[in-house]
């Protein structure tokens, strides 16, 4: 919903895959359809959580 609100995606029917790029310095809970292995590892190493949604 946040991506839609920020106009990053045009509708919420798109499948979004999170990829690893850059640094993560905060503990986040990230919701997406898919995650790359590296993105999942980085999020979890910083104390965050991933939630797979469909």
PDB file of N, CA and C in Angstrom:
ATOM      1  N   UNK A   1       0.813  -1.199   0.000  1.00  0.00           N
ATOM      2  CA  UNK A   1       0.000   0.000   0.000  1.00  0.00           C
ATOM      3  C   UNK A   1       0.859   1.266   0.000  1.00  0.00           C
ATOM      4  N   UNK A   2       1.982   1.213   0.701  1.00  0.00           N
ATOM      5  CA  UNK A   2       2.861   2.380   0.745  1.00  0.00           C
ATOM      6  C   UNK A   2       3.463   2.675  -0.632  1.00  0.00           C
ATOM      7  N   UNK A   3       3.850   1.623  -1.358  1.00  0.00           N
ATOM      8  CA  UNK A   3       4.396   1.831  -2.707  1.00  0.00           C
ATOM      9  C   UNK A   3       3.364   2.449  -3.632  1.00  0.00           C
ATOM     10  N   UNK A   4       2.130   2.048  -3.474  1.00  0.00           N
ATOM     11  CA  UNK A   4       1.041   2.606  -4.269  1.00  0.00           C
ATOM     12  C   UNK A   4       0.808   4.069  -3.892  1.00  0.00           C
ATOM     13  N   UNK A   5       0.797   4.350  -2.610  1.00  0.00           N
ATOM     14  CA  UNK A   5       0.586   5.717  -2.120  1.00  0.00           C
ATOM     15  C   UNK A   5       1.701   6.657  -2.583  1.00  0.00           C
ATOM     16  N   UNK A   6       2.940   6.155  -2.600  1.00  0.00           N
ATOM     17  CA  UNK A   6       4.087   6.965  -3.023  1.00  0.00           C
ATOM     18  C   UNK A   6       4.250   6.991  -4.545  1.00  0.00           C
ATOM     19  N   UNK A   7       3.320   6.327  -5.262  1.00  0.00           N
ATOM     20  CA  UNK A   7       3.311   6.266  -6.726  1.00  0.00           C
ATOM     21  C   UNK A   7       4.558   5.592  -7.303  1.00  0.00           C
ATOM     22  N   UNK A   8       5.084   4.610  -6.556  1.00  0.00           N
ATOM     23  CA  UNK A   8       6.197   3.815  -7.051  1.00  0.00           C
ATOM     24  C   UNK A   8       5.663   2.717  -7.963  1.00  0.00           C
ATOM     25  N   UNK A   9       4.481   2.189  -7.622  1.00  0.00           N
ATOM     26  CA  UNK A   9       3.784   1.238  -8.483  1.00  0.00           C
ATOM     27  C   UNK A   9       2.423   1.818  -8.826  1.00  0.00           C
ATOM     28  N   UNK A  10       1.845   1.354  -9.942  1.00  0.00           N
ATOM     29  CA  UNK A  10       0.579   1.923 -10.400  1.00  0.00           C
ATOM     30  C   UNK A  10      -0.646   1.212  -9.852  1.00  0.00           C
ATOM     31  N   UNK A  11      -0.514  -0.072  -9.502  1.00  0.00           N
ATOM     32  CA  UNK A  11      -1.640  -0.770  -8.891  1.00  0.00           C
ATOM     33  C   UNK A  11      -1.113  -1.856  -7.967  1.00  0.00           C
ATOM     34  N   UNK A  12      -1.949  -2.303  -7.058  1.00  0.00           N
ATOM     35  CA  UNK A  12      -1.495  -3.279  -6.070  1.00  0.00           C
ATOM     36  C   UNK A  12      -1.640  -4.719  -6.553  1.00  0.00           C
ATOM     37  N   UNK A  13      -1.887  -4.914  -7.832  1.00  0.00           N
ATOM     38  CA  UNK A  13      -1.959  -6.255  -8.394  1.00  0.00           C
ATOM     39  C   UNK A  13      -0.590  -6.727  -8.895  1.00  0.00           C
ATOM     40  N   UNK A  14       0.380  -5.824  -8.917  1.00  0.00           N
ATOM     41  CA  UNK A  14       1.725  -6.174  -9.354  1.00  0.00           C
ATOM     42  C   UNK A  14       2.446  -6.973  -8.275  1.00  0.00           C
ATOM     43  N   UNK A  15       3.248  -7.937  -8.710  1.00  0.00           N
ATOM     44  CA  UNK A  15       4.083  -8.689  -7.786  1.00  0.00           C
ATOM     45  C   UNK A  15       5.388  -7.930  -7.607  1.00  0.00           C
ATOM     46  N   UNK A  16       5.803  -7.735  -6.365  1.00  0.00           N
ATOM     47  CA  UNK A  16       7.007  -6.963  -6.078  1.00  0.00           C
ATOM     48  C   UNK A  16       8.046  -7.881  -5.437  1.00  0.00           C
ATOM     49  N   UNK A  17       9.266  -7.845  -5.984  1.00  0.00           N
ATOM     50  CA  UNK A  17      10.376  -8.601  -5.413  1.00  0.00           C
ATOM     51  C   UNK A  17      11.380  -7.607  -4.856  1.00  0.00           C
ATOM     52  N   UNK A  18      11.782  -7.810  -3.611  1.00  0.00           N
ATOM     53  CA  UNK A  18      12.756  -6.940  -2.958  1.00  0.00           C
ATOM     54  C   UNK A  18      14.155  -7.459  -3.283  1.00  0.00           C
ATOM     55  N   UNK A  19      14.994  -6.558  -3.804  1.00  0.00           N
ATOM     56  CA  UNK A  19      16.374  -6.888  -4.138  1.00  0.00           C
ATOM     57  C   UNK A  19      17.312  -6.146  -3.197  1.00  0.00           C
ATOM     58  N   UNK A  20      18.510  -6.665  -3.029  1.00  0.00           N
ATOM     59  CA  UNK A  20      19.494  -6.041  -2.138  1.00  0.00           C
ATOM     60  C   UNK A  20      20.312  -5.008  -2.902  1.00  0.00           C
ATOM     61  N   UNK A  21      20.317  -3.785  -2.391  1.00  0.00           N
ATOM     62  CA  UNK A  21      21.151  -2.725  -2.945  1.00  0.00           C
ATOM     63  C   UNK A  21      21.311  -1.664  -1.866  1.00  0.00           C
ATOM     64  N   UNK A  22      22.528  -1.259  -1.612  1.00  0.00           N
ATOM     65  CA  UNK A  22      22.768  -0.237  -0.610  1.00  0.00           C
ATOM     66  C   UNK A  22      22.875  -0.811   0.792  1.00  0.00           C
ATOM     67  N   UNK A  23      22.812   0.081   1.776  1.00  0.00           N
ATOM     68  CA  UNK A  23      22.965  -0.299   3.179  1.00  0.00           C
ATOM     69  C   UNK A  23      21.640  -0.190   3.908  1.00  0.00           C
ATOM     70  N   UNK A  24      21.458  -1.050   4.888  1.00  0.00           N
ATOM     71  CA  UNK A  24      20.275  -1.003   5.742  1.00  0.00           C
ATOM     72  C   UNK A  24      20.753  -0.745   7.157  1.00  0.00           C
ATOM     73  N   UNK A  25      20.252   0.315   7.774  1.00  0.00           N
ATOM     74  CA  UNK A  25      20.712   0.677   9.115  1.00  0.00           C
ATOM     75  C   UNK A  25      19.597   0.637  10.148  1.00  0.00           C
ATOM     76  N   UNK A  26      18.384   0.283   9.726  1.00  0.00           N
ATOM     77  CA  UNK A  26      17.250   0.255  10.642  1.00  0.00           C
ATOM     78  C   UNK A  26      16.618  -1.123  10.673  1.00  0.00           C
ATOM     79  N   UNK A  27      15.965  -1.413  11.773  1.00  0.00           N
ATOM     80  CA  UNK A  27      15.193  -2.643  11.912  1.00  0.00           C
ATOM     81  C   UNK A  27      13.851  -2.417  11.219  1.00  0.00           C
ATOM     82  N   UNK A  28      13.573  -3.202  10.183  1.00  0.00           N
ATOM     83  CA  UNK A  28      12.353  -3.023   9.401  1.00  0.00           C
ATOM     84  C   UNK A  28      11.566  -4.321   9.300  1.00  0.00           C
ATOM     85  N   UNK A  29      10.267  -4.200   9.130  1.00  0.00           N
ATOM     86  CA  UNK A  29       9.429  -5.311   8.710  1.00  0.00           C
ATOM     87  C   UNK A  29       9.016  -4.991   7.283  1.00  0.00           C
ATOM     88  N   UNK A  30       9.405  -5.866   6.355  1.00  0.00           N
ATOM     89  CA  UNK A  30       9.173  -5.623   4.935  1.00  0.00           C
ATOM     90  C   UNK A  30       8.186  -6.660   4.410  1.00  0.00           C
ATOM     91  N   UNK A  31       7.145  -6.183   3.744  1.00  0.00           N
ATOM     92  CA  UNK A  31       6.144  -7.060   3.146  1.00  0.00           C
ATOM     93  C   UNK A  31       6.285  -7.001   1.631  1.00  0.00           C
ATOM     94  N   UNK A  32       6.413  -8.176   1.004  1.00  0.00           N
ATOM     95  CA  UNK A  32       6.515  -8.252  -0.455  1.00  0.00           C
ATOM     96  C   UNK A  32       6.177  -9.665  -0.902  1.00  0.00           C
ATOM     97  N   UNK A  33       6.028  -9.821  -2.197  1.00  0.00           N
ATOM     98  CA  UNK A  33       5.720 -11.145  -2.764  1.00  0.00           C
ATOM     99  C   UNK A  33       6.943 -12.044  -2.776  1.00  0.00           C
ATOM    100  N   UNK A  34       8.107 -11.457  -3.056  1.00  0.00           N
ATOM    101  CA  UNK A  34       9.344 -12.233  -3.130  1.00  0.00           C
ATOM    102  C   UNK A  34      10.507 -11.406  -2.607  1.00  0.00           C
ATOM    103  N   UNK A  35      11.550 -12.100  -2.178  1.00  0.00           N
ATOM    104  CA  UNK A  35      12.778 -11.474  -1.700  1.00  0.00           C
ATOM    105  C   UNK A  35      13.963 -12.210  -2.304  1.00  0.00           C
ATOM    106  N   UNK A  36      14.994 -11.464  -2.692  1.00  0.00           N
ATOM    107  CA  UNK A  36      16.227 -12.138  -3.084  1.00  0.00           C
ATOM    108  C   UNK A  36      16.857 -12.684  -1.805  1.00  0.00           C
ATOM    109  N   UNK A  37      17.702 -13.693  -1.952  1.00  0.00           N
ATOM    110  CA  UNK A  37      18.357 -14.300  -0.783  1.00  0.00           C
ATOM    111  C   UNK A  37      19.161 -13.253  -0.030  1.00  0.00           C
ATOM    112  N   UNK A  38      19.888 -12.422  -0.765  1.00  0.00           N
ATOM    113  CA  UNK A  38      20.724 -11.396  -0.137  1.00  0.00           C
ATOM    114  C   UNK A  38      19.876 -10.362   0.598  1.00  0.00           C
ATOM    115  N   UNK A  39      18.760  -9.936   0.004  1.00  0.00           N
ATOM    116  CA  UNK A  39      17.880  -8.963   0.657  1.00  0.00           C
ATOM    117  C   UNK A  39      17.310  -9.545   1.947  1.00  0.00           C
ATOM    118  N   UNK A  40      16.869 -10.797   1.891  1.00  0.00           N
ATOM    119  CA  UNK A  40      16.330 -11.471   3.075  1.00  0.00           C
ATOM    120  C   UNK A  40      17.378 -11.525   4.181  1.00  0.00           C
ATOM    121  N   UNK A  41      18.596 -11.910   3.825  1.00  0.00           N
ATOM    122  CA  UNK A  41      19.676 -12.002   4.805  1.00  0.00           C
ATOM    123  C   UNK A  41      19.986 -10.649   5.435  1.00  0.00           C
ATOM    124  N   UNK A  42      20.057  -9.602   4.626  1.00  0.00           N
ATOM    125  CA  UNK A  42      20.376  -8.264   5.138  1.00  0.00           C
ATOM    126  C   UNK A  42      19.293  -7.773   6.093  1.00  0.00           C
ATOM    127  N   UNK A  43      18.041  -7.943   5.723  1.00  0.00           N
ATOM    128  CA  UNK A  43      16.927  -7.503   6.577  1.00  0.00           C
ATOM    129  C   UNK A  43      16.973  -8.229   7.912  1.00  0.00           C
ATOM    130  N   UNK A  44      17.154  -9.552   7.866  1.00  0.00           N
ATOM    131  CA  UNK A  44      17.157 -10.346   9.094  1.00  0.00           C
ATOM    132  C   UNK A  44      18.403 -10.094   9.941  1.00  0.00           C
ATOM    133  N   UNK A  45      19.552  -9.824   9.333  1.00  0.00           N
ATOM    134  CA  UNK A  45      20.782  -9.531  10.075  1.00  0.00           C
ATOM    135  C   UNK A  45      20.664  -8.232  10.861  1.00  0.00           C
ATOM    136  N   UNK A  46      19.832  -7.319  10.400  1.00  0.00           N
ATOM    137  CA  UNK A  46      19.624  -6.050  11.091  1.00  0.00           C
ATOM    138  C   UNK A  46      18.459  -6.115  12.070  1.00  0.00           C
ATOM    139  N   UNK A  47      17.982  -7.319  12.368  1.00  0.00           N
ATOM    140  CA  UNK A  47      16.914  -7.488  13.346  1.00  0.00           C
ATOM    141  C   UNK A  47      15.521  -7.319  12.780  1.00  0.00           C
ATOM    142  N   UNK A  48      15.411  -7.186  11.475  1.00  0.00           N
ATOM    143  CA  UNK A  48      14.113  -6.993  10.840  1.00  0.00           C
ATOM    144  C   UNK A  48      13.430  -8.304  10.508  1.00  0.00           C
ATOM    145  N   UNK A  49      12.236  -8.190   9.974  1.00  0.00           N
ATOM    146  CA  UNK A  49      11.438  -9.346   9.589  1.00  0.00           C
ATOM    147  C   UNK A  49      10.973  -9.193   8.152  1.00  0.00           C
ATOM    148  N   UNK A  50      10.773 -10.337   7.495  1.00  0.00           N
ATOM    149  CA  UNK A  50      10.159 -10.315   6.178  1.00  0.00           C
ATOM    150  C   UNK A  50       8.802 -10.993   6.271  1.00  0.00           C
ATOM    151  N   UNK A  51       7.862 -10.499   5.503  1.00  0.00           N
ATOM    152  CA  UNK A  51       6.530 -11.088   5.430  1.00  0.00           C
ATOM    153  C   UNK A  51       6.192 -11.279   3.958  1.00  0.00           C
ATOM    154  N   UNK A  52       5.967 -12.529   3.576  1.00  0.00           N
ATOM    155  CA  UNK A  52       5.614 -12.828   2.194  1.00  0.00           C
ATOM    156  C   UNK A  52       4.106 -12.699   2.043  1.00  0.00           C
ATOM    157  N   UNK A  53       3.704 -11.824   1.127  1.00  0.00           N
ATOM    158  CA  UNK A  53       2.279 -11.601   0.869  1.00  0.00           C
ATOM    159  C   UNK A  53       1.974 -12.012  -0.557  1.00  0.00           C
ATOM    160  N   UNK A  54       0.723 -12.252  -0.833  1.00  0.00           N
ATOM    161  CA  UNK A  54       0.332 -12.655  -2.188  1.00  0.00           C
ATOM    162  C   UNK A  54      -0.711 -11.731  -2.726  1.00  0.00           C
TER     163      UNK A  54
END
